[in-house]
Structures are given as structure tokens and as C-alpha cells.
């Protein structure tokens, strides 16, 4: 019986680890998208102030 509980605990730990990893990847990807958006906004603002280039 102890062996069965160990397998269940290991599977649960892997599930939790996987969910945490997916959450971290999602946050990282959304952060990259935000940085790109900010860079685009800054570039557009600079172009609006100096349209000669």
C-alpha cells in the first residue's frame, strides 16, 4: 500500500510542477509581447515628433 501512495504523490507533484511551468511560460510570453508593444509605441512617438527621418 505504501508503494501505491508514493506513485500517487509523485504523479501529483509532477502535475503541480507542470502547471507551474506552464504558468511561468505564459507570463514570460506575455511579458515579451508587452515589451514589444512598448517599443513600438516609443518608436511611433519618436516618429511623430521627428517625421523627417
Protein backbone atom coordinates (compact mmCIF):
# COMPACT_ATOMS: atom_id res chain seq x y z
CA UNK A 1 0.00 0.00 0.00
CA UNK A 2 2.86 2.40 0.73
CA UNK A 3 4.20 1.97 -2.79
CA UNK A 4 0.86 2.97 -4.32
CA UNK A 5 0.75 6.16 -2.23
CA UNK A 6 4.27 7.05 -3.36
CA UNK A 7 3.28 6.74 -7.02
CA UNK A 8 0.21 8.91 -6.48
CA UNK A 9 2.25 11.55 -4.66
CA UNK A 10 4.88 11.56 -7.41
CA UNK A 11 2.25 11.94 -10.11
CA UNK A 12 0.62 14.78 -8.17
CA UNK A 13 3.97 16.53 -7.75
CA UNK A 14 4.66 16.25 -11.48
CA UNK A 15 1.22 17.64 -12.28
CA UNK A 16 1.78 20.62 -9.99
CA UNK A 17 5.26 21.18 -11.43
CA UNK A 18 3.89 21.06 -14.98
CA UNK A 19 1.14 23.57 -14.20
CA UNK A 20 3.63 25.93 -12.57
CA UNK A 21 5.94 25.61 -15.58
CA UNK A 22 3.09 26.40 -17.99
CA UNK A 23 2.13 29.43 -15.88
CA UNK A 24 5.71 30.72 -15.93
CA UNK A 25 5.93 30.30 -19.72
CA UNK A 26 2.63 32.14 -20.15
CA UNK A 27 3.83 35.05 -18.01
CA UNK A 28 7.15 35.19 -19.86
CA UNK A 29 5.46 35.24 -23.27
CA UNK A 30 3.02 37.94 -22.23
CA UNK A 31 5.92 39.98 -20.88
CA UNK A 32 7.74 39.73 -24.21
CA UNK A 33 4.63 40.87 -26.02
CA UNK A 34 4.29 43.84 -23.67
CA UNK A 35 7.91 44.88 -24.21
CA UNK A 36 7.42 44.72 -27.97
CA UNK A 37 4.29 46.83 -27.65
CA UNK A 38 6.08 49.44 -25.56
CA UNK A 39 8.97 49.57 -28.03
CA UNK A 40 6.54 50.04 -30.90
CA UNK A 41 4.75 52.85 -29.04
CA UNK A 42 8.02 54.62 -28.28
CA UNK A 43 9.10 54.32 -31.91
CA UNK A 44 5.79 55.72 -33.14
CA UNK A 45 6.03 58.61 -30.68
CA UNK A 46 9.55 59.39 -31.84
CA UNK A 47 8.43 59.30 -35.47
CA UNK A 48 5.56 61.65 -34.66
CA UNK A 49 7.97 64.16 -33.09
CA UNK A 50 10.61 63.84 -35.82
CA UNK A 51 8.90 62.83 -39.06
CA UNK A 52 11.85 63.93 -41.21
CA UNK A 53 13.65 60.59 -40.99
